[in-house]
Full PDB file with SEQRES, HELIX, SHEET, SSBOND, CRYST1, ORIGX, SCALE, CONECT and MASTER records, all heavy atoms in Angstrom:
SEQRES   1 A   35  ALA THR TYR ASN ASN ASN GLU LYS CYS TYR VAL LEU VAL          
SEQRES   2 A   35  THR GLY SER LEU HIS LEU ILE GLY ALA VAL LEU THR VAL          
SEQRES   3 A   35  LEU ASP PRO HIS LEU THR MET ASN THR                          
HELIX    1 AA1 LEU A   17  LEU A   27  1                                  11    
CRYST1    1.000    1.000    1.000  90.00  90.00  90.00 P 1           1          
ORIGX1      1.000000  0.000000  0.000000        0.00000                         
ORIGX2      0.000000  1.000000  0.000000        0.00000                         
ORIGX3      0.000000  0.000000  1.000000        0.00000                         
SCALE1      1.000000  0.000000  0.000000        0.00000                         
SCALE2      0.000000  1.000000  0.000000        0.00000                         
SCALE3      0.000000  0.000000  1.000000        0.00000                         
ATOM      1  N   ALA A   1      16.037   9.420  -6.375  1.00  0.00           N  
ATOM      2  CA  ALA A   1      17.507   9.717  -6.448  1.00  0.00           C  
ATOM      3  C   ALA A   1      17.887  10.264  -7.843  1.00  0.00           C  
ATOM      4  O   ALA A   1      18.659  11.178  -7.950  1.00  0.00           O  
ATOM      5  CB  ALA A   1      18.270   8.442  -6.104  1.00  0.00           C  
ATOM      6  N   THR A   2      17.286   9.689  -8.866  1.00  0.00           N  
ATOM      7  CA  THR A   2      17.596  10.072 -10.258  1.00  0.00           C  
ATOM      8  C   THR A   2      17.110  11.486 -10.602  1.00  0.00           C  
ATOM      9  O   THR A   2      17.822  12.308 -11.185  1.00  0.00           O  
ATOM     10  CB  THR A   2      16.971   9.076 -11.267  1.00  0.00           C  
ATOM     11  OG1 THR A   2      17.427   7.756 -10.929  1.00  0.00           O  
ATOM     12  CG2 THR A   2      17.354   9.472 -12.707  1.00  0.00           C  
ATOM     13  N   TYR A   3      15.859  11.799 -10.180  1.00  0.00           N  
ATOM     14  CA  TYR A   3      15.272  13.078 -10.554  1.00  0.00           C  
ATOM     15  C   TYR A   3      15.284  14.118  -9.441  1.00  0.00           C  
ATOM     16  O   TYR A   3      14.763  15.193  -9.559  1.00  0.00           O  
ATOM     17  CB  TYR A   3      13.834  12.870 -11.096  1.00  0.00           C  
ATOM     18  CG  TYR A   3      13.852  12.075 -12.339  1.00  0.00           C  
ATOM     19  CD1 TYR A   3      13.590  10.704 -12.314  1.00  0.00           C  
ATOM     20  CD2 TYR A   3      14.092  12.707 -13.555  1.00  0.00           C  
ATOM     21  CE1 TYR A   3      13.574   9.942 -13.438  1.00  0.00           C  
ATOM     22  CE2 TYR A   3      14.053  11.938 -14.763  1.00  0.00           C  
ATOM     23  CZ  TYR A   3      13.797  10.624 -14.726  1.00  0.00           C  
ATOM     24  OH  TYR A   3      13.785   9.874 -15.849  1.00  0.00           O  
ATOM     25  N   ASN A   4      15.838  13.706  -8.309  1.00  0.00           N  
ATOM     26  CA  ASN A   4      16.030  14.623  -7.123  1.00  0.00           C  
ATOM     27  C   ASN A   4      14.704  15.228  -6.759  1.00  0.00           C  
ATOM     28  O   ASN A   4      14.580  16.498  -6.699  1.00  0.00           O  
ATOM     29  CB  ASN A   4      17.078  15.680  -7.445  1.00  0.00           C  
ATOM     30  CG  ASN A   4      17.515  16.412  -6.224  1.00  0.00           C  
ATOM     31  OD1 ASN A   4      17.451  15.910  -5.081  1.00  0.00           O  
ATOM     32  ND2 ASN A   4      17.890  17.692  -6.381  1.00  0.00           N  
ATOM     33  N   ASN A   5      13.647  14.427  -6.616  1.00  0.00           N  
ATOM     34  CA  ASN A   5      12.379  14.974  -6.154  1.00  0.00           C  
ATOM     35  C   ASN A   5      11.816  14.124  -5.048  1.00  0.00           C  
ATOM     36  O   ASN A   5      12.307  13.053  -4.723  1.00  0.00           O  
ATOM     37  CB  ASN A   5      11.401  15.050  -7.338  1.00  0.00           C  
ATOM     38  CG  ASN A   5      11.045  13.693  -7.889  1.00  0.00           C  
ATOM     39  OD1 ASN A   5      10.757  12.748  -7.142  1.00  0.00           O  
ATOM     40  ND2 ASN A   5      11.037  13.584  -9.225  1.00  0.00           N  
ATOM     41  N   ASN A   6      10.755  14.628  -4.472  1.00  0.00           N  
ATOM     42  CA  ASN A   6      10.128  13.921  -3.333  1.00  0.00           C  
ATOM     43  C   ASN A   6       8.673  13.470  -3.691  1.00  0.00           C  
ATOM     44  O   ASN A   6       7.871  13.323  -2.802  1.00  0.00           O  
ATOM     45  CB  ASN A   6      10.084  14.810  -2.104  1.00  0.00           C  
ATOM     46  CG  ASN A   6      11.513  15.089  -1.622  1.00  0.00           C  
ATOM     47  OD1 ASN A   6      12.302  14.191  -1.471  1.00  0.00           O  
ATOM     48  ND2 ASN A   6      11.815  16.331  -1.318  1.00  0.00           N  
ATOM     49  N   GLU A   7       8.412  13.341  -4.938  1.00  0.00           N  
ATOM     50  CA  GLU A   7       7.091  12.908  -5.361  1.00  0.00           C  
ATOM     51  C   GLU A   7       6.792  11.514  -4.868  1.00  0.00           C  
ATOM     52  O   GLU A   7       7.652  10.606  -4.952  1.00  0.00           O  
ATOM     53  CB  GLU A   7       6.946  12.946  -6.901  1.00  0.00           C  
ATOM     54  CG  GLU A   7       6.784  14.335  -7.424  1.00  0.00           C  
ATOM     55  CD  GLU A   7       6.420  14.314  -8.949  1.00  0.00           C  
ATOM     56  OE1 GLU A   7       6.463  13.228  -9.526  1.00  0.00           O  
ATOM     57  OE2 GLU A   7       6.126  15.369  -9.486  1.00  0.00           O  
ATOM     58  N   LYS A   8       5.620  11.329  -4.357  1.00  0.00           N  
ATOM     59  CA  LYS A   8       5.228  10.029  -3.882  1.00  0.00           C  
ATOM     60  C   LYS A   8       4.372   9.283  -4.890  1.00  0.00           C  
ATOM     61  O   LYS A   8       3.896   9.837  -5.847  1.00  0.00           O  
ATOM     62  CB  LYS A   8       4.358  10.183  -2.568  1.00  0.00           C  
ATOM     63  CG  LYS A   8       5.219  10.663  -1.377  1.00  0.00           C  
ATOM     64  CD  LYS A   8       4.344  10.672  -0.128  1.00  0.00           C  
ATOM     65  CE  LYS A   8       5.166  10.997   1.115  1.00  0.00           C  
ATOM     66  NZ  LYS A   8       4.398  10.934   2.348  1.00  0.00           N  
ATOM     67  N   CYS A   9       4.272   7.965  -4.627  1.00  0.00           N  
ATOM     68  CA  CYS A   9       3.505   7.131  -5.490  1.00  0.00           C  
ATOM     69  C   CYS A   9       2.033   7.210  -5.090  1.00  0.00           C  
ATOM     70  O   CYS A   9       1.684   7.454  -3.946  1.00  0.00           O  
ATOM     71  CB  CYS A   9       3.945   5.683  -5.446  1.00  0.00           C  
ATOM     72  SG  CYS A   9       5.629   5.378  -5.943  1.00  0.00           S  
ATOM     73  N   TYR A  10       1.135   6.888  -6.042  1.00  0.00           N  
ATOM     74  CA  TYR A  10      -0.287   6.731  -5.745  1.00  0.00           C  
ATOM     75  C   TYR A  10      -0.668   5.332  -6.266  1.00  0.00           C  
ATOM     76  O   TYR A  10      -0.709   5.064  -7.453  1.00  0.00           O  
ATOM     77  CB  TYR A  10      -1.055   7.818  -6.491  1.00  0.00           C  
ATOM     78  CG  TYR A  10      -0.756   9.194  -5.988  1.00  0.00           C  
ATOM     79  CD1 TYR A  10       0.255   9.914  -6.588  1.00  0.00           C  
ATOM     80  CD2 TYR A  10      -1.411   9.732  -4.889  1.00  0.00           C  
ATOM     81  CE1 TYR A  10       0.602  11.183  -6.115  1.00  0.00           C  
ATOM     82  CE2 TYR A  10      -1.076  11.009  -4.415  1.00  0.00           C  
ATOM     83  CZ  TYR A  10      -0.069  11.696  -5.048  1.00  0.00           C  
ATOM     84  OH  TYR A  10       0.323  12.944  -4.581  1.00  0.00           O  
ATOM     85  N   VAL A  11      -0.769   4.429  -5.311  1.00  0.00           N  
ATOM     86  CA  VAL A  11      -0.945   2.987  -5.609  1.00  0.00           C  
ATOM     87  C   VAL A  11      -2.381   2.555  -5.401  1.00  0.00           C  
ATOM     88  O   VAL A  11      -2.903   2.595  -4.288  1.00  0.00           O  
ATOM     89  CB  VAL A  11      -0.006   2.134  -4.754  1.00  0.00           C  
ATOM     90  CG1 VAL A  11      -0.092   0.671  -5.172  1.00  0.00           C  
ATOM     91  CG2 VAL A  11       1.445   2.615  -4.817  1.00  0.00           C  
ATOM     92  N   LEU A  12      -3.055   2.184  -6.508  1.00  0.00           N  
ATOM     93  CA  LEU A  12      -4.390   1.682  -6.431  1.00  0.00           C  
ATOM     94  C   LEU A  12      -4.386   0.149  -6.339  1.00  0.00           C  
ATOM     95  O   LEU A  12      -3.812  -0.528  -7.220  1.00  0.00           O  
ATOM     96  CB  LEU A  12      -5.241   2.120  -7.643  1.00  0.00           C  
ATOM     97  CG  LEU A  12      -6.638   1.557  -7.739  1.00  0.00           C  
ATOM     98  CD1 LEU A  12      -7.510   2.008  -6.550  1.00  0.00           C  
ATOM     99  CD2 LEU A  12      -7.292   1.901  -9.039  1.00  0.00           C  
ATOM    100  N   VAL A  13      -4.969  -0.376  -5.290  1.00  0.00           N  
ATOM    101  CA  VAL A  13      -5.085  -1.832  -5.105  1.00  0.00           C  
ATOM    102  C   VAL A  13      -6.546  -2.154  -5.261  1.00  0.00           C  
ATOM    103  O   VAL A  13      -7.379  -1.757  -4.406  1.00  0.00           O  
ATOM    104  CB  VAL A  13      -4.557  -2.267  -3.743  1.00  0.00           C  
ATOM    105  CG1 VAL A  13      -4.505  -3.792  -3.667  1.00  0.00           C  
ATOM    106  CG2 VAL A  13      -3.133  -1.722  -3.485  1.00  0.00           C  
ATOM    107  N   THR A  14      -6.896  -2.960  -6.250  1.00  0.00           N  
ATOM    108  CA  THR A  14      -8.313  -3.232  -6.432  1.00  0.00           C  
ATOM    109  C   THR A  14      -8.522  -4.579  -7.027  1.00  0.00           C  
ATOM    110  O   THR A  14      -7.557  -5.306  -7.462  1.00  0.00           O  
ATOM    111  CB  THR A  14      -9.011  -2.151  -7.277  1.00  0.00           C  
ATOM    112  OG1 THR A  14     -10.390  -2.301  -7.196  1.00  0.00           O  
ATOM    113  CG2 THR A  14      -8.569  -2.175  -8.707  1.00  0.00           C  
ATOM    114  N   GLY A  15      -9.802  -5.005  -7.149  1.00  0.00           N  
ATOM    115  CA  GLY A  15     -10.163  -6.298  -7.639  1.00  0.00           C  
ATOM    116  C   GLY A  15     -10.630  -7.157  -6.454  1.00  0.00           C  
ATOM    117  O   GLY A  15     -11.648  -6.698  -5.784  1.00  0.00           O  
ATOM    118  N   SER A  16     -10.013  -8.238  -6.226  1.00  0.00           N  
ATOM    119  CA  SER A  16     -10.419  -9.142  -5.143  1.00  0.00           C  
ATOM    120  C   SER A  16     -10.218  -8.587  -3.752  1.00  0.00           C  
ATOM    121  O   SER A  16      -9.122  -8.026  -3.481  1.00  0.00           O  
ATOM    122  CB  SER A  16      -9.699 -10.472  -5.287  1.00  0.00           C  
ATOM    123  OG  SER A  16      -9.971 -11.328  -4.197  1.00  0.00           O  
ATOM    124  N   LEU A  17     -11.134  -8.776  -2.842  1.00  0.00           N  
ATOM    125  CA  LEU A  17     -10.933  -8.439  -1.443  1.00  0.00           C  
ATOM    126  C   LEU A  17      -9.831  -9.276  -0.874  1.00  0.00           C  
ATOM    127  O   LEU A  17      -9.157  -8.893   0.098  1.00  0.00           O  
ATOM    128  CB  LEU A  17     -12.236  -8.608  -0.683  1.00  0.00           C  
ATOM    129  CG  LEU A  17     -13.069  -7.351  -0.409  1.00  0.00           C  
ATOM    130  CD1 LEU A  17     -14.342  -7.720   0.334  1.00  0.00           C  
ATOM    131  CD2 LEU A  17     -12.319  -6.293   0.395  1.00  0.00           C  
ATOM    132  N   HIS A  18      -9.626 -10.440  -1.366  1.00  0.00           N  
ATOM    133  CA  HIS A  18      -8.577 -11.342  -0.909  1.00  0.00           C  
ATOM    134  C   HIS A  18      -7.200 -10.717  -1.259  1.00  0.00           C  
ATOM    135  O   HIS A  18      -6.225 -10.898  -0.493  1.00  0.00           O  
ATOM    136  CB  HIS A  18      -8.674 -12.738  -1.503  1.00  0.00           C  
ATOM    137  CG  HIS A  18      -9.969 -13.433  -1.064  1.00  0.00           C  
ATOM    138  ND1 HIS A  18     -10.169 -13.939   0.163  1.00  0.00           N  
ATOM    139  CD2 HIS A  18     -11.087 -13.666  -1.755  1.00  0.00           C  
ATOM    140  CE1 HIS A  18     -11.375 -14.454   0.256  1.00  0.00           C  
ATOM    141  NE2 HIS A  18     -11.959 -14.330  -0.925  1.00  0.00           N  
ATOM    142  N   LEU A  19      -7.096 -10.036  -2.419  1.00  0.00           N  
ATOM    143  CA  LEU A  19      -5.854  -9.340  -2.738  1.00  0.00           C  
ATOM    144  C   LEU A  19      -5.673  -8.203  -1.780  1.00  0.00           C  
ATOM    145  O   LEU A  19      -4.540  -7.986  -1.279  1.00  0.00           O  
ATOM    146  CB  LEU A  19      -5.972  -8.782  -4.146  1.00  0.00           C  
ATOM    147  CG  LEU A  19      -4.832  -7.839  -4.587  1.00  0.00           C  
ATOM    148  CD1 LEU A  19      -3.474  -8.594  -4.616  1.00  0.00           C  
ATOM    149  CD2 LEU A  19      -5.113  -7.182  -5.927  1.00  0.00           C  
ATOM    150  N   ILE A  20      -6.735  -7.430  -1.430  1.00  0.00           N  
ATOM    151  CA  ILE A  20      -6.624  -6.320  -0.468  1.00  0.00           C  
ATOM    152  C   ILE A  20      -6.111  -6.913   0.865  1.00  0.00           C  
ATOM    153  O   ILE A  20      -5.209  -6.320   1.504  1.00  0.00           O  
ATOM    154  CB  ILE A  20      -8.027  -5.716  -0.205  1.00  0.00           C  
ATOM    155  CG1 ILE A  20      -8.604  -5.196  -1.550  1.00  0.00           C  
ATOM    156  CG2 ILE A  20      -7.951  -4.582   0.823  1.00  0.00           C  
ATOM    157  CD1 ILE A  20      -7.963  -4.034  -2.176  1.00  0.00           C  
ATOM    158  N   GLY A  21      -6.647  -8.068   1.243  1.00  0.00           N  
ATOM    159  CA  GLY A  21      -6.251  -8.696   2.556  1.00  0.00           C  
ATOM    160  C   GLY A  21      -4.761  -9.054   2.468  1.00  0.00           C  
ATOM    161  O   GLY A  21      -4.058  -8.894   3.461  1.00  0.00           O  
ATOM    162  N   ALA A  22      -4.264  -9.578   1.328  1.00  0.00           N  
ATOM    163  CA  ALA A  22      -2.850  -9.905   1.210  1.00  0.00           C  
ATOM    164  C   ALA A  22      -1.954  -8.670   1.358  1.00  0.00           C  
ATOM    165  O   ALA A  22      -0.879  -8.738   1.947  1.00  0.00           O  
ATOM    166  CB  ALA A  22      -2.650 -10.603  -0.120  1.00  0.00           C  
ATOM    167  N   VAL A  23      -2.382  -7.580   0.755  1.00  0.00           N  
ATOM    168  CA  VAL A  23      -1.607  -6.339   0.817  1.00  0.00           C  
ATOM    169  C   VAL A  23      -1.601  -5.825   2.260  1.00  0.00           C  
ATOM    170  O   VAL A  23      -0.554  -5.374   2.793  1.00  0.00           O  
ATOM    171  CB  VAL A  23      -2.206  -5.258  -0.150  1.00  0.00           C  
ATOM    172  CG1 VAL A  23      -1.593  -3.894   0.111  1.00  0.00           C  
ATOM    173  CG2 VAL A  23      -2.017  -5.649  -1.583  1.00  0.00           C  
ATOM    174  N   LEU A  24      -2.729  -5.866   2.917  1.00  0.00           N  
ATOM    175  CA  LEU A  24      -2.779  -5.420   4.343  1.00  0.00           C  
ATOM    176  C   LEU A  24      -2.067  -6.300   5.263  1.00  0.00           C  
ATOM    177  O   LEU A  24      -1.564  -5.882   6.291  1.00  0.00           O  
ATOM    178  CB  LEU A  24      -4.266  -5.288   4.788  1.00  0.00           C  
ATOM    179  CG  LEU A  24      -5.039  -4.089   4.160  1.00  0.00           C  
ATOM    180  CD1 LEU A  24      -6.518  -4.217   4.514  1.00  0.00           C  
ATOM    181  CD2 LEU A  24      -4.501  -2.781   4.659  1.00  0.00           C  
ATOM    182  N   THR A  25      -1.935  -7.602   4.918  1.00  0.00           N  
ATOM    183  CA  THR A  25      -1.116  -8.537   5.720  1.00  0.00           C  
ATOM    184  C   THR A  25       0.340  -7.983   5.826  1.00  0.00           C  
ATOM    185  O   THR A  25       1.004  -8.194   6.817  1.00  0.00           O  
ATOM    186  CB  THR A  25      -1.157  -9.909   5.096  1.00  0.00           C  
ATOM    187  OG1 THR A  25      -2.477 -10.412   5.177  1.00  0.00           O  
ATOM    188  CG2 THR A  25      -0.270 -10.885   5.903  1.00  0.00           C  
ATOM    189  N   VAL A  26       0.821  -7.367   4.736  1.00  0.00           N  
ATOM    190  CA  VAL A  26       2.159  -6.806   4.738  1.00  0.00           C  
ATOM    191  C   VAL A  26       2.200  -5.406   5.304  1.00  0.00           C  
ATOM    192  O   VAL A  26       3.036  -5.050   6.147  1.00  0.00           O  
ATOM    193  CB  VAL A  26       2.719  -6.813   3.255  1.00  0.00           C  
ATOM    194  CG1 VAL A  26       4.166  -6.238   3.285  1.00  0.00           C  
ATOM    195  CG2 VAL A  26       2.709  -8.214   2.723  1.00  0.00           C  
ATOM    196  N   LEU A  27       1.295  -4.569   4.900  1.00  0.00           N  
ATOM    197  CA  LEU A  27       1.317  -3.131   5.278  1.00  0.00           C  
ATOM    198  C   LEU A  27       0.755  -2.866   6.637  1.00  0.00           C  
ATOM    199  O   LEU A  27       1.282  -2.048   7.382  1.00  0.00           O  
ATOM    200  CB  LEU A  27       0.453  -2.315   4.232  1.00  0.00           C  
ATOM    201  CG  LEU A  27       0.980  -2.230   2.784  1.00  0.00           C  
ATOM    202  CD1 LEU A  27       0.057  -1.372   1.984  1.00  0.00           C  
ATOM    203  CD2 LEU A  27       2.401  -1.725   2.702  1.00  0.00           C  
ATOM    204  N   ASP A  28      -0.312  -3.552   7.014  1.00  0.00           N  
ATOM    205  CA  ASP A  28      -0.997  -3.266   8.280  1.00  0.00           C  
ATOM    206  C   ASP A  28      -1.676  -4.523   8.825  1.00  0.00           C  
ATOM    207  O   ASP A  28      -2.904  -4.613   8.820  1.00  0.00           O  
ATOM    208  CB  ASP A  28      -2.082  -2.146   8.024  1.00  0.00           C  
ATOM    209  CG  ASP A  28      -2.819  -1.739   9.253  1.00  0.00           C  
ATOM    210  OD1 ASP A  28      -2.274  -1.948  10.392  1.00  0.00           O  
ATOM    211  OD2 ASP A  28      -3.969  -1.213   9.147  1.00  0.00           O  
ATOM    212  N   PRO A  29      -0.858  -5.507   9.286  1.00  0.00           N  
ATOM    213  CA  PRO A  29      -1.439  -6.812   9.673  1.00  0.00           C  
ATOM    214  C   PRO A  29      -2.443  -6.785  10.803  1.00  0.00           C  
ATOM    215  O   PRO A  29      -3.211  -7.720  10.930  1.00  0.00           O  
ATOM    216  CB  PRO A  29      -0.152  -7.607  10.069  1.00  0.00           C  
ATOM    217  CG  PRO A  29       0.903  -6.576  10.348  1.00  0.00           C  
ATOM    218  CD  PRO A  29       0.582  -5.414   9.474  1.00  0.00           C  
ATOM    219  N   HIS A  30      -2.386  -5.726  11.658  1.00  0.00           N  
ATOM    220  CA  HIS A  30      -3.300  -5.654  12.788  1.00  0.00           C  
ATOM    221  C   HIS A  30      -4.480  -4.711  12.461  1.00  0.00           C  
ATOM    222  O   HIS A  30      -5.270  -4.404  13.373  1.00  0.00           O  
ATOM    223  CB  HIS A  30      -2.559  -5.194  14.032  1.00  0.00           C  
ATOM    224  CG  HIS A  30      -1.446  -6.071  14.401  1.00  0.00           C  
ATOM    225  ND1 HIS A  30      -1.668  -7.375  14.815  1.00  0.00           N  
ATOM    226  CD2 HIS A  30      -0.108  -5.913  14.439  1.00  0.00           C  
ATOM    227  CE1 HIS A  30      -0.512  -7.991  15.107  1.00  0.00           C  
ATOM    228  NE2 HIS A  30       0.430  -7.101  14.882  1.00  0.00           N  
ATOM    229  N   LEU A  31      -4.570  -4.251  11.212  1.00  0.00           N  
ATOM    230  CA  LEU A  31      -5.670  -3.403  10.722  1.00  0.00           C  
ATOM    231  C   LEU A  31      -5.843  -2.197  11.627  1.00  0.00           C  
ATOM    232  O   LEU A  31      -6.945  -1.858  12.032  1.00  0.00           O  
ATOM    233  CB  LEU A  31      -6.940  -4.235  10.666  1.00  0.00           C  
ATOM    234  CG  LEU A  31      -6.926  -5.482   9.732  1.00  0.00           C  
ATOM    235  CD1 LEU A  31      -8.300  -6.173   9.708  1.00  0.00           C  
ATOM    236  CD2 LEU A  31      -6.486  -5.077   8.315  1.00  0.00           C  
ATOM    237  N   THR A  32      -4.783  -1.478  11.848  1.00  0.00           N  
ATOM    238  CA  THR A  32      -4.760  -0.285  12.667  1.00  0.00           C  
ATOM    239  C   THR A  32      -5.155   0.959  11.875  1.00  0.00           C  
ATOM    240  O   THR A  32      -5.302   2.027  12.403  1.00  0.00           O  
ATOM    241  CB  THR A  32      -3.399  -0.042  13.302  1.00  0.00           C  
ATOM    242  OG1 THR A  32      -2.421   0.155  12.264  1.00  0.00           O  
ATOM    243  CG2 THR A  32      -2.963  -1.216  14.147  1.00  0.00           C  
ATOM    244  N   MET A  33      -5.248   0.819  10.567  1.00  0.00           N  
ATOM    245  CA  MET A  33      -5.490   1.900   9.549  1.00  0.00           C  
ATOM    246  C   MET A  33      -4.234   2.808   9.441  1.00  0.00           C  
ATOM    247  O   MET A  33      -4.359   3.950   8.953  1.00  0.00           O  
ATOM    248  CB  MET A  33      -6.717   2.719   9.976  1.00  0.00           C  
ATOM    249  CG  MET A  33      -7.961   1.928  10.248  1.00  0.00           C  
ATOM    250  SD  MET A  33      -8.626   0.993   8.832  1.00  0.00           S  
ATOM    251  CE  MET A  33      -9.529   2.275   7.973  1.00  0.00           C  
ATOM    252  N   ASN A  34      -3.081   2.272   9.854  1.00  0.00           N  
ATOM    253  CA  ASN A  34      -1.764   2.964   9.668  1.00  0.00           C  
ATOM    254  C   ASN A  34      -0.751   1.915   9.197  1.00  0.00           C  
ATOM    255  O   ASN A  34      -0.957   0.731   9.378  1.00  0.00           O  
ATOM    256  CB  ASN A  34      -1.326   3.606  10.974  1.00  0.00           C  
ATOM    257  CG  ASN A  34      -2.240   4.728  11.372  1.00  0.00           C  
ATOM    258  OD1 ASN A  34      -2.250   5.824  10.781  1.00  0.00           O  
ATOM    259  ND2 ASN A  34      -3.042   4.519  12.458  1.00  0.00           N  
ATOM    260  N   THR A  35       0.336   2.414   8.643  1.00  0.00           N  
ATOM    261  CA  THR A  35       1.399   1.482   8.255  1.00  0.00           C  
ATOM    262  C   THR A  35       2.744   2.102   8.454  1.00  0.00           C  
ATOM    263  O   THR A  35       2.949   3.359   8.402  1.00  0.00           O  
ATOM    264  CB  THR A  35       1.283   1.113   6.766  1.00  0.00           C  
ATOM    265  OG1 THR A  35       2.290   0.164   6.425  1.00  0.00           O  
ATOM    266  CG2 THR A  35       1.386   2.309   5.840  1.00  0.00           C  
TER     267      THR A  35                                                      
MASTER        0    0    0    1    0    0    0    6  266    1    0    3          
END                                                                             
């Protein structure tokens, strides 16, 4: 809104696989490979 652009974020999630699981629990709980 501030810069009037459509640039997207590039979010790296790394470290523990348990962290990856927590992120997927929110983004893709059924592990469909989509969100």
